[in-house]
Protein backbone atom coordinates (compact mmCIF):
# COMPACT_ATOMS: atom_id res chain seq x y z
CA MET A 1 -1.59 19.19 -37.74
CA THR A 2 0.69 18.65 -40.72
CA THR A 3 1.68 15.04 -41.34
CA ILE A 4 4.34 13.28 -43.38
CA ILE A 5 1.60 12.43 -45.92
CA ASP A 6 0.90 16.15 -46.41
CA VAL A 7 4.59 16.77 -47.07
CA ALA A 8 4.70 13.91 -49.57
CA LYS A 9 1.69 15.29 -51.46
CA ARG A 10 3.10 18.84 -51.56
CA ALA A 11 6.49 17.58 -52.78
CA GLY A 12 4.95 15.17 -55.26
CA VAL A 13 6.87 12.20 -53.86
CA SER A 14 6.04 9.07 -51.93
CA LYS A 15 5.67 8.90 -48.16
CA THR A 16 8.64 6.51 -48.14
CA SER A 17 10.87 9.10 -49.81
CA VAL A 18 9.99 11.72 -47.18
CA SER A 19 10.61 9.18 -44.41
CA ARG A 20 14.02 8.29 -45.86
CA TYR A 21 14.97 11.95 -46.04
CA LEU A 22 13.91 12.65 -42.43
CA ASN A 23 15.82 9.62 -41.15
CA GLY A 24 18.97 10.45 -43.11
CA LYS A 25 18.74 7.35 -45.28
CA ASN A 26 18.58 9.06 -48.67
CA ASP A 27 22.19 8.60 -49.82
CA GLY A 28 22.21 6.78 -53.14
CA HIS A 29 18.42 6.48 -53.16
CA MET A 30 17.30 10.02 -53.93
CA SER A 31 18.12 12.72 -56.48
CA GLU A 32 19.05 16.24 -55.45
CA LYS A 33 15.86 17.56 -57.08
CA THR A 34 13.72 15.22 -54.95
CA LYS A 35 15.53 16.36 -51.81
CA GLU A 36 14.96 20.01 -52.74
CA ARG A 37 11.22 19.41 -53.30
CA ILE A 38 10.92 17.70 -49.89
CA ILE A 39 12.85 20.49 -48.15
CA GLN A 40 10.68 23.14 -49.83
CA ALA A 41 7.47 21.30 -48.85
CA ILE A 42 8.63 21.04 -45.22
CA LYS A 43 9.32 24.80 -45.14
CA GLU A 44 6.01 25.72 -46.78
CA LEU A 45 3.96 23.51 -44.47
CA ASP A 46 6.09 24.32 -41.41
CA TYR A 47 6.27 20.57 -40.76
CA GLN A 48 7.68 19.49 -37.40
CA PRO A 49 8.83 15.83 -37.44
CA ASN A 50 7.51 13.65 -34.64
CA SER A 51 10.81 13.02 -32.90
CA ILE A 52 9.30 10.47 -30.51
CA ALA A 53 7.88 8.31 -33.29
CA ARG A 54 11.14 8.52 -35.22
CA SER A 55 13.21 7.62 -32.18
CA LEU A 56 11.07 4.59 -31.44
CA LYS A 57 11.69 3.28 -34.94
CA GLN A 58 15.40 3.94 -34.56
CA LYS A 59 15.38 2.45 -31.04
CA SER A 60 17.03 5.58 -29.67
CA THR A 61 15.47 8.67 -28.11
CA ASN A 62 18.61 10.64 -27.20
CA VAL A 63 17.00 11.07 -23.78
CA ILE A 64 18.65 10.16 -20.50
CA GLY A 65 16.56 9.48 -17.40
CA LEU A 66 17.65 10.84 -14.04
CA VAL A 67 16.28 9.69 -10.69
CA VAL A 68 17.19 11.95 -7.76
CA ASN A 69 16.03 11.47 -4.19
CA ASP A 70 15.58 15.13 -3.21
CA MET A 71 15.04 17.89 -5.75
CA SER A 72 14.99 20.53 -3.00
CA ASN A 73 18.62 19.82 -2.06
CA LEU A 74 21.04 22.33 -3.61
CA PHE A 75 23.79 19.71 -3.71
CA PHE A 76 21.72 17.47 -5.97
CA LEU A 77 20.66 20.44 -8.09
CA GLU A 78 24.32 21.26 -8.70
CA ILE A 79 24.91 17.65 -9.77
CA ILE A 80 21.91 17.78 -12.14
CA LYS A 81 23.24 20.97 -13.71
CA GLY A 82 26.62 19.33 -14.30
CA ILE A 83 25.05 16.22 -15.82
CA GLU A 84 22.77 18.26 -18.07
CA THR A 85 25.72 20.30 -19.39
CA GLU A 86 27.71 17.16 -20.22
CA LEU A 87 24.74 15.46 -21.88
CA LYS A 88 23.79 18.53 -23.90
CA ASN A 89 27.30 18.70 -25.33
CA SER A 90 26.84 15.10 -26.51
CA GLY A 91 23.38 15.64 -28.02
CA TYR A 92 21.27 14.14 -25.23
CA ASN A 93 18.31 15.56 -23.32
CA LEU A 94 17.41 14.92 -19.69
CA LEU A 95 14.19 13.59 -18.14
CA ILE A 96 14.18 14.03 -14.34
CA CYS A 97 12.18 12.05 -11.79
CA ASN A 98 12.16 12.97 -8.08
CA SER A 99 11.84 9.97 -5.73
CA ASP A 100 11.59 12.12 -2.58
CA THR A 101 13.75 9.63 -0.59
CA ASN A 102 11.17 6.90 -1.07
CA ILE A 103 12.17 3.40 -2.22
CA GLU A 104 8.77 2.61 -3.76
CA ARG A 105 8.90 5.85 -5.67
CA GLU A 106 12.39 4.98 -6.94
CA LEU A 107 11.02 1.76 -8.42
CA GLU A 108 8.08 3.64 -9.95
CA CYS A 109 10.49 6.13 -11.54
CA LEU A 110 12.56 3.36 -13.11
CA LYS A 111 9.48 1.66 -14.53
CA MET A 112 8.13 4.95 -15.86
CA LEU A 113 11.45 5.76 -17.55
CA GLU A 114 11.56 2.33 -19.14
CA LYS A 115 8.14 2.94 -20.71
CA ARG A 116 9.42 6.25 -22.09
CA GLN A 117 12.05 4.33 -24.11
CA ILE A 118 14.94 6.37 -22.69
CA ASP A 119 18.50 5.39 -23.65
CA GLY A 120 19.95 5.16 -20.14
CA VAL A 121 19.54 6.19 -16.51
CA ILE A 122 21.61 7.88 -13.81
CA LEU A 123 20.49 7.25 -10.23
CA ILE A 124 21.59 9.88 -7.70
CA GLY A 125 21.66 8.91 -4.03
CA MET A 126 19.47 5.86 -4.56
CA ASN A 127 18.17 4.24 -1.37
CA MET A 128 16.83 0.89 -2.59
CA PRO A 129 19.12 -2.17 -2.38
CA VAL A 130 21.20 -2.32 -5.56
CA THR A 131 20.07 -5.92 -6.12
CA HIS A 132 16.54 -4.60 -6.75
CA ILE A 133 17.73 -2.94 -9.95
CA GLU A 134 18.97 -6.19 -11.45
CA LYS A 135 15.64 -7.83 -10.62
CA ILE A 136 13.81 -5.21 -12.71
CA HIS A 137 15.75 -6.39 -15.80
CA THR A 138 15.93 -3.00 -17.47
CA GLU A 139 17.26 -3.00 -21.04
CA PHE A 140 18.99 0.37 -20.73
CA PRO A 141 22.36 0.92 -19.01
CA ILE A 142 22.39 2.43 -15.50
CA VAL A 143 25.03 4.46 -13.68
CA LEU A 144 24.90 4.93 -9.92
CA MET A 145 25.97 8.17 -8.30
CA GLU A 146 26.89 8.41 -4.63
CA ARG A 147 26.20 4.71 -4.12
CA GLU A 148 28.29 1.54 -4.00
CA PRO A 149 27.41 -1.04 -6.68
CA GLY A 150 27.66 -3.97 -4.27
CA LYS A 151 27.94 -7.27 -6.15
CA THR A 152 26.16 -5.93 -9.21
CA GLU A 153 27.77 -5.14 -12.57
CA LEU A 154 26.57 -1.52 -12.50
CA ASP A 155 28.83 1.48 -13.07
CA SER A 156 29.28 3.64 -9.98
CA VAL A 157 30.65 7.15 -9.43
CA ARG A 158 30.87 8.32 -5.86
CA ILE A 159 32.69 10.07 -3.08
CA ASP A 160 34.08 8.03 -0.23
CA ASN A 161 31.59 9.27 2.36
CA LYS A 162 33.37 7.53 5.20
CA VAL A 163 36.69 9.22 4.47
CA GLY A 164 35.03 12.66 4.26
CA ALA A 165 33.03 12.21 7.45
CA TYR A 166 36.04 10.76 9.29
CA ALA A 167 38.05 13.86 8.34
CA ALA A 168 35.27 16.13 9.64
CA VAL A 169 35.13 14.45 13.05
CA SER A 170 38.94 14.25 13.26
CA HIS A 171 39.07 18.00 12.72
CA LEU A 172 36.82 18.58 15.73
CA ILE A 173 38.92 16.23 17.87
CA GLU A 174 42.07 18.08 16.80
CA ARG A 175 40.39 21.27 18.00
CA GLY A 176 40.27 19.70 21.46
CA HIS A 177 36.65 18.53 21.54
CA THR A 178 35.72 15.27 23.26
CA ARG A 179 31.96 15.69 23.60
CA ILE A 180 31.08 15.50 19.91
CA ALA A 181 27.52 14.85 18.78
CA HIS A 182 26.12 13.88 15.41
CA ILE A 183 22.92 14.99 13.66
CA ALA A 184 22.45 12.09 11.24
CA GLY A 185 20.60 11.92 7.96
CA PRO A 186 17.62 9.58 7.35
CA SER A 187 18.42 5.96 8.20
CA ILE A 188 17.05 4.87 4.81
CA ALA A 189 19.77 6.86 2.98
CA ALA A 190 22.98 4.92 2.28
CA MET A 191 25.10 8.10 2.34
CA ALA A 192 23.74 9.06 5.76
CA VAL A 193 24.49 5.62 7.15
CA GLU A 194 28.08 5.77 5.89
CA ARG A 195 28.66 9.19 7.45
CA LYS A 196 27.20 8.04 10.76
CA GLU A 197 29.39 4.92 10.75
CA ALA A 198 32.46 7.06 10.08
CA TYR A 199 31.59 9.34 13.01
CA ILE A 200 31.30 6.35 15.35
CA GLN A 201 34.54 4.79 14.04
CA CYS A 202 36.50 8.02 14.36
CA MET A 203 35.36 8.53 17.96
CA LYS A 204 36.32 4.94 18.76
CA ASP A 205 39.73 5.25 17.10
CA HIS A 206 40.51 8.27 19.27
CA GLY A 207 39.39 6.56 22.47
CA LEU A 208 36.25 8.67 22.86
CA LYS A 209 32.86 7.40 23.93
CA THR A 210 29.92 7.56 21.53
CA LEU A 211 26.95 8.34 23.75
CA PRO A 212 23.55 7.23 22.36
CA GLN A 213 22.00 10.57 23.30
CA TYR A 214 24.65 12.34 21.22
CA ILE A 215 23.28 10.85 18.01
CA VAL A 216 20.00 12.37 16.85
CA SER A 217 18.15 11.61 13.63
CA GLY A 218 17.40 14.19 10.95
CA ASN A 219 16.07 14.17 7.40
CA TYR A 220 18.58 16.43 5.62
CA LYS A 221 16.23 19.42 6.02
CA LEU A 222 16.90 22.72 7.82
CA GLU A 223 14.14 22.07 10.33
CA SER A 224 15.56 18.72 11.41
CA GLY A 225 18.93 20.36 12.06
CA TYR A 226 17.20 22.97 14.21
CA ASP A 227 15.23 20.32 16.11
CA GLY A 228 18.28 18.09 16.46
CA MET A 229 20.36 20.85 17.98
CA GLN A 230 17.50 21.75 20.32
CA ALA A 231 17.44 18.15 21.58
CA LEU A 232 21.21 18.11 22.06
CA MET A 233 21.31 21.40 23.95
CA ALA A 234 18.55 20.16 26.27
CA LEU A 235 20.90 17.46 27.59
CA GLU A 236 22.39 17.89 31.05
CA GLU A 237 25.87 17.33 29.62
CA LYS A 238 25.81 19.31 26.41
CA PRO A 239 28.13 18.58 23.47
CA THR A 240 30.78 21.14 22.60
CA ALA A 241 30.85 20.19 18.93
CA VAL A 242 28.40 18.75 16.40
CA PHE A 243 29.01 17.03 13.06
CA CYS A 244 25.97 17.27 10.79
CA ALA A 245 25.37 14.85 7.92
CA ASN A 246 24.76 17.71 5.48
CA ASP A 247 24.97 21.51 5.28
CA TYR A 248 21.22 22.07 5.45
CA MET A 249 21.01 20.49 8.89
CA ALA A 250 24.16 22.32 9.95
CA MET A 251 22.53 25.63 9.00
CA GLY A 252 19.39 24.68 10.91
CA ALA A 253 21.55 23.83 13.93
CA LEU A 254 23.38 27.14 13.55
CA ARG A 255 20.11 29.02 13.56
CA PHE A 256 19.05 27.41 16.85
CA LEU A 257 22.36 28.24 18.48
CA MET A 258 22.23 31.88 17.38
CA GLU A 259 18.61 32.31 18.48
CA HIS A 260 19.43 30.97 21.94
CA GLY A 261 22.57 32.97 22.61
CA TYR A 262 25.22 30.31 22.00
CA ARG A 263 28.47 31.41 20.42
CA VAL A 264 29.83 29.50 17.45
CA PRO A 265 32.45 28.08 17.67
CA GLN A 266 33.32 29.23 21.22
CA ASP A 267 30.39 27.40 22.88
CA VAL A 268 29.58 24.88 20.16
CA ALA A 269 31.59 24.10 17.03
CA LEU A 270 29.77 22.98 13.87
CA VAL A 271 30.80 21.00 10.81
CA GLY A 272 28.54 20.18 7.86
CA TYR A 273 28.87 18.12 4.68
CA ASP A 274 28.54 18.92 0.92
CA ASP A 275 29.74 22.55 0.77
CA ILE A 276 26.61 23.84 -0.98
CA VAL A 277 26.84 27.42 -2.26
CA VAL A 278 25.13 29.06 0.72
CA SER A 279 27.30 27.32 3.34
CA LYS A 280 29.91 30.06 3.05
CA MET A 281 27.33 32.85 3.01
CA VAL A 282 25.64 32.29 6.37
CA THR A 283 26.40 34.59 9.32
CA THR A 284 29.02 32.15 10.59
CA PRO A 285 30.44 30.44 7.48
CA LEU A 286 30.34 26.65 7.81
CA THR A 287 33.26 24.31 8.03
CA THR A 288 32.20 21.49 5.74
CA VAL A 289 33.26 18.64 3.47
CA ARG A 290 33.46 19.71 -0.16
CA GLN A 291 32.62 17.24 -2.91
CA PRO A 292 33.88 17.69 -6.52
CA VAL A 293 30.39 18.12 -7.97
CA LYS A 294 31.34 18.98 -11.56
CA GLU A 295 33.79 16.09 -11.79
CA LEU A 296 31.25 13.68 -10.31
CA ALA A 297 28.52 14.77 -12.70
CA GLY A 298 30.78 14.77 -15.74
CA MET A 299 32.18 11.31 -15.06
CA ALA A 300 28.73 9.77 -14.49
CA ALA A 301 27.40 11.25 -17.74
CA ARG A 302 30.44 10.15 -19.76
CA LEU A 303 30.28 6.60 -18.39
CA LEU A 304 26.62 6.33 -19.36
CA ILE A 305 27.16 7.75 -22.85
CA GLU A 306 29.96 5.23 -23.41
CA ARG A 307 27.62 2.38 -22.44
CA ILE A 308 24.90 3.69 -24.77
CA GLU A 309 27.03 4.40 -27.82
CA ASN A 310 29.53 1.57 -27.59
CA LYS A 311 27.76 -1.77 -27.82
CA GLU A 312 30.94 -3.65 -26.91
CA SER A 313 31.18 -1.76 -23.62
CA ARG A 314 27.82 -3.20 -22.53
CA GLU A 315 29.45 -6.60 -22.25
CA GLN A 316 32.21 -5.29 -19.99
CA LYS A 317 32.09 -5.29 -16.20
CA GLY A 318 30.91 -2.19 -14.40
CA GLN A 319 33.42 0.48 -13.43
CA THR A 320 33.65 1.99 -9.96
CA VAL A 321 35.08 5.51 -9.78
CA ILE A 322 35.80 6.86 -6.30
CA MET A 323 36.65 10.54 -5.94
CA GLN A 324 38.03 12.29 -2.89
CA SER A 325 36.42 15.03 -0.85
CA GLU A 326 38.09 17.99 0.81
CA LEU A 327 37.62 19.42 4.29
CA VAL A 328 37.00 23.19 4.03
CA ILE A 329 37.69 24.92 7.33
CA ARG A 330 35.72 28.09 8.05
CA ALA A 331 34.58 30.09 11.07
CA SER A 332 32.04 27.59 12.50
CA SER A 333 34.73 25.30 13.95
């Protein structure tokens, strides 16, 4: 493996001169002939600078860490794509860590990223209490996505989950439904809790009862939507409409209904959340809550880059950006 010493010997210069050239610190310290000899030696030896070692010396790696709680979820994949595009345009690379909706794993990811000397972190759909982050005392800036910052000074970019979920349930009530059930996301997930709370509040505001048996727990996966709908349709008094905490569970619920001869929306109306790409491609296109994914991703990336590149901004209080969702009405309701 070719080293900086080999380059120095081939060019007939000191190791320090090669180092200065590689780090862009040659102005006023090096003649054009010396530069040309170093460039020629690098070409001849096919020398590849150790970017990690250089970045450690410069205290910057141009790498952003990303912790996401479910890499199998298309919604999160769309966010990652948007973040990566924004970062690439600004000269940053992305290092992704999947926490698999596990708080301990989230902490492990943060500690691992800190050891990698990354410049900053974006946390998507984090489940741990936000106060835990401050206790870790990370030196890099952090931006939260789809999570309230609480009393911390962290930047946050999110959708108002309660407003979106409230609109979804209101839509079903406007369609004349009174027996509305909810297939909730995992209780550990802050977004799922907010959507469940909005469902309960909307029912209450419209004078409708929230029956305990009408709320079943899921895990954001297709199978849990299928199982949840199976449990609901086994009830003596079946619901006529179901609000699902995400599109995956809504599609699982739709599959159960179709397999068992129920008509959608005539027998049971369905509403999901997220508007992932396939939600409009299923046999009965899903009514769902659309989130501005590109805008969310772009804003989170830009906020983080500002914190990294502007030292003065690190002393400023965290910003909270709240974007609005949109109810997309399709055939399932």
